[in-house]
Amino acid sequence: MTAKGKDQARLYFALWPDEPTLRGLGVAQADLAGRKTQKDQLHLTLAFLGNQPIGKLPALAAVLEQLPEKSFVIELDQYGYFKQQRIAWIGSAEVPLALLDLREYLLKGLSIVAPHYKRESRFIPHVTLARDAERPVQPFASSICWPAKRVVLVQSLPTSQGVIYSLIAERLLDDAVAPVAPVAPAS
């Protein structure tokens, strides 16, 4: 539930890492100073939708069906830092064209389903490793090759203990389409 009530859900689309990628991300964040992102919350945001009417969940989930079927590899090989937000992150020196294409397909679908969605002015593909962080100073040890195969629609639920992410729908690339009938959003 959001501040606007039970008729709204705070949503985003993301790439969700597999277990080997999560292990690599854990190693990458081990020596960082700051409040580390929990392992089960590590992801790469493709589009943050903010608060959306719950009635739109089926249409938003259906956007996943329109995405390209081909998976791709993201080489996470450099640290980054958003100074103003104090966020330490990991990203790619060279962003795969397939990632940008995937995001464009997603945004085209969103332009129909959620025409008032505010698109970010600049897309910097990254995985947040720590908040309230210091700038990473150590050199990047070894790259993480992430086979990007899982695109998800996620609800972000604020709680007194922090944020909980609840998967609403998913699409598996290079595989059968996972059921996209959205589950009832958590409250």
Protein backbone atom coordinates (compact mmCIF):
# COMPACT_ATOMS: atom_id res chain seq x y z
CA MET A 1 0.00 0.00 0.00
CA THR A 2 1.17 3.54 -0.64
CA ALA A 3 0.35 6.88 0.89
CA LYS A 4 -2.34 7.28 -1.75
CA GLY A 5 -4.20 4.22 -0.50
CA LYS A 6 -5.05 0.70 -1.49
CA ASP A 7 -5.91 1.70 -5.05
CA GLN A 8 -2.27 2.54 -5.88
CA ALA A 9 0.94 0.53 -6.09
CA ARG A 10 4.52 1.84 -6.33
CA LEU A 11 5.99 -0.08 -9.28
CA TYR A 12 9.05 -0.58 -11.42
CA PHE A 13 10.31 -2.91 -14.16
CA ALA A 14 13.75 -4.45 -13.66
CA LEU A 15 16.19 -7.11 -14.67
CA TRP A 16 16.44 -9.61 -11.81
CA PRO A 17 19.75 -11.46 -11.35
CA ASP A 18 20.24 -15.21 -11.14
CA GLU A 19 22.02 -16.86 -8.19
CA PRO A 20 25.59 -16.84 -9.64
CA THR A 21 25.23 -13.14 -10.47
CA LEU A 22 23.95 -12.45 -6.95
CA ARG A 23 27.04 -14.14 -5.52
CA GLY A 24 29.27 -11.94 -7.67
CA LEU A 25 27.36 -8.84 -6.63
CA GLY A 26 27.82 -9.86 -2.98
CA VAL A 27 31.58 -10.01 -3.51
CA ALA A 28 31.52 -6.62 -5.27
CA GLN A 29 29.71 -4.96 -2.38
CA ALA A 30 31.64 -6.68 0.45
CA ASP A 31 34.25 -3.95 0.99
CA LEU A 32 31.99 -0.97 0.33
CA ALA A 33 31.18 1.44 3.14
CA GLY A 34 27.49 2.23 3.59
CA ARG A 35 24.13 0.57 4.03
CA LYS A 36 24.38 -2.41 1.70
CA THR A 37 21.47 -3.46 -0.49
CA GLN A 38 20.08 -6.79 0.70
CA LYS A 39 20.90 -9.71 -1.59
CA ASP A 40 17.24 -10.40 -2.43
CA GLN A 41 16.76 -6.76 -3.50
CA LEU A 42 19.63 -6.42 -5.98
CA HIS A 43 18.36 -5.58 -9.47
CA LEU A 44 18.83 -3.30 -12.47
CA THR A 45 15.90 -0.91 -12.88
CA LEU A 46 14.66 -0.53 -16.44
CA ALA A 47 11.78 1.85 -15.70
CA PHE A 48 10.51 3.29 -12.42
CA LEU A 49 6.77 3.90 -12.70
CA GLY A 50 6.05 5.39 -9.29
CA ASN A 51 2.47 5.10 -8.02
CA GLN A 52 0.14 3.46 -10.51
CA PRO A 53 -3.53 2.45 -10.20
CA ILE A 54 -3.86 -1.20 -9.19
CA GLY A 55 -6.38 -1.60 -11.99
CA LYS A 56 -3.52 -1.17 -14.47
CA LEU A 57 -1.57 -4.17 -13.18
CA PRO A 58 -2.87 -6.63 -15.82
CA ALA A 59 -2.04 -4.21 -18.65
CA LEU A 60 1.38 -3.42 -17.17
CA ALA A 61 2.15 -7.12 -16.76
CA ALA A 62 1.09 -7.73 -20.37
CA VAL A 63 3.83 -5.31 -21.54
CA LEU A 64 6.29 -8.06 -20.59
CA GLU A 65 4.85 -10.24 -23.38
CA GLN A 66 5.90 -7.64 -25.98
CA LEU A 67 9.58 -7.69 -25.06
CA PRO A 68 12.22 -9.30 -27.29
CA GLU A 69 12.75 -12.97 -26.48
CA LYS A 70 16.55 -13.01 -26.70
CA SER A 71 18.58 -12.93 -23.52
CA PHE A 72 21.97 -11.22 -23.41
CA VAL A 73 24.97 -10.81 -21.16
CA ILE A 74 25.75 -7.70 -19.15
CA GLU A 75 29.38 -7.39 -18.10
CA LEU A 76 29.43 -5.55 -14.79
CA ASP A 77 32.97 -4.23 -14.68
CA GLN A 78 33.09 -0.86 -12.97
CA TYR A 79 31.98 0.89 -9.83
CA GLY A 80 30.07 4.14 -9.99
CA TYR A 81 28.81 6.68 -7.50
CA PHE A 82 25.88 9.08 -7.40
CA LYS A 83 27.30 11.77 -5.16
CA GLN A 84 24.09 13.65 -4.36
CA GLN A 85 22.20 10.48 -3.36
CA ARG A 86 25.34 8.86 -1.87
CA ILE A 87 24.75 5.64 -3.80
CA ALA A 88 27.57 3.24 -4.69
CA TRP A 89 26.74 1.09 -7.69
CA ILE A 90 28.12 -1.33 -10.24
CA GLY A 91 27.63 -1.02 -13.98
CA SER A 92 29.19 -1.62 -17.38
CA ALA A 93 31.91 0.32 -19.13
CA GLU A 94 30.13 -0.63 -22.36
CA VAL A 95 26.35 -0.98 -22.13
CA PRO A 96 25.10 -3.84 -24.31
CA LEU A 97 22.95 -2.71 -27.22
CA ALA A 98 20.54 -5.52 -26.36
CA LEU A 99 19.91 -3.91 -22.94
CA LEU A 100 19.11 -0.56 -24.55
CA ASP A 101 16.85 -2.30 -27.09
CA LEU A 102 15.03 -4.18 -24.33
CA ARG A 103 14.41 -0.92 -22.48
CA GLU A 104 13.15 0.80 -25.64
CA TYR A 105 10.63 -2.01 -26.25
CA LEU A 106 9.52 -1.67 -22.64
CA LEU A 107 9.12 2.11 -22.94
CA LYS A 108 7.11 1.75 -26.14
CA GLY A 109 4.71 -0.56 -24.35
CA LEU A 110 4.50 1.79 -21.39
CA SER A 111 3.70 4.74 -23.66
CA ILE A 112 0.41 3.01 -24.47
CA VAL A 113 -0.43 1.51 -21.06
CA ALA A 114 0.89 4.29 -18.82
CA PRO A 115 1.09 7.39 -21.03
CA HIS A 116 1.76 9.69 -18.05
CA TYR A 117 4.80 7.70 -16.98
CA LYS A 118 7.68 10.14 -16.46
CA ARG A 119 10.66 8.77 -18.36
CA GLU A 120 14.06 9.43 -16.81
CA SER A 121 16.03 12.01 -18.76
CA ARG A 122 19.20 9.90 -18.61
CA PHE A 123 19.39 6.12 -18.29
CA ILE A 124 22.47 4.86 -16.44
CA PRO A 125 22.13 1.07 -16.17
CA HIS A 126 23.39 0.05 -12.74
CA VAL A 127 22.82 -2.13 -9.70
CA THR A 128 22.74 -0.23 -6.41
CA LEU A 129 25.18 -1.89 -4.01
CA ALA A 130 25.00 0.52 -1.05
CA ARG A 131 23.20 3.66 0.11
CA ASP A 132 24.54 6.32 2.46
CA ALA A 133 27.80 5.18 0.94
CA GLU A 134 31.26 6.53 0.40
CA ARG A 135 32.66 6.66 -3.12
CA PRO A 136 34.24 3.27 -3.95
CA VAL A 137 38.00 3.74 -3.95
CA GLN A 138 39.27 0.22 -4.54
CA PRO A 139 39.84 -0.87 -8.13
CA PHE A 140 37.30 -3.23 -9.57
CA ALA A 141 38.55 -6.78 -8.92
CA SER A 142 36.94 -8.94 -11.61
CA SER A 143 33.98 -8.45 -13.86
CA ILE A 144 30.65 -10.19 -13.36
CA CYS A 145 29.06 -11.69 -16.47
CA TRP A 146 25.32 -11.51 -15.87
CA PRO A 147 23.15 -13.59 -18.22
CA ALA A 148 20.15 -11.25 -18.31
CA LYS A 149 17.20 -13.58 -18.68
CA ARG A 150 14.56 -12.41 -16.19
CA VAL A 151 12.52 -9.20 -16.52
CA VAL A 152 10.11 -8.46 -13.69
CA LEU A 153 7.38 -6.05 -12.66
CA VAL A 154 7.92 -5.24 -8.98
CA GLN A 155 5.95 -3.50 -6.27
CA SER A 156 7.96 -1.49 -3.75
CA LEU A 157 6.40 -1.59 -0.28
CA PRO A 158 7.67 0.80 2.38
CA THR A 159 7.64 -0.68 5.89
CA SER A 160 8.98 0.43 9.26
CA GLN A 161 11.93 -1.96 8.71
CA GLY A 162 12.70 -0.67 5.22
CA VAL A 163 11.44 -1.41 1.72
CA ILE A 164 10.14 -4.83 0.66
CA TYR A 165 10.04 -5.77 -3.02
CA SER A 166 7.19 -7.97 -4.16
CA LEU A 167 7.33 -9.55 -7.64
CA ILE A 168 4.06 -8.99 -9.47
CA ALA A 169 4.86 -10.56 -12.87
CA GLU A 170 7.88 -11.79 -14.80
CA ARG A 171 9.09 -12.69 -18.26
CA LEU A 172 11.85 -15.21 -18.85
CA LEU A 173 13.89 -14.46 -21.95
CA ASP A 174 14.99 -17.39 -24.16
CA ASP A 175 12.36 -19.46 -22.44
CA ALA A 176 8.65 -19.87 -22.13
CA VAL A 177 6.83 -16.79 -20.99
CA ALA A 178 6.30 -16.99 -17.24
CA PRO A 179 2.71 -16.48 -16.11
CA VAL A 180 2.04 -12.78 -16.30
CA ALA A 181 -1.32 -12.74 -14.59
CA PRO A 182 -0.45 -10.38 -11.76
CA VAL A 183 -0.88 -11.49 -8.23
CA ALA A 184 -2.73 -9.20 -5.88
CA PRO A 185 -0.35 -6.50 -4.73
CA ALA A 186 0.89 -6.82 -1.19
CA SER A 187 -0.49 -4.39 1.32
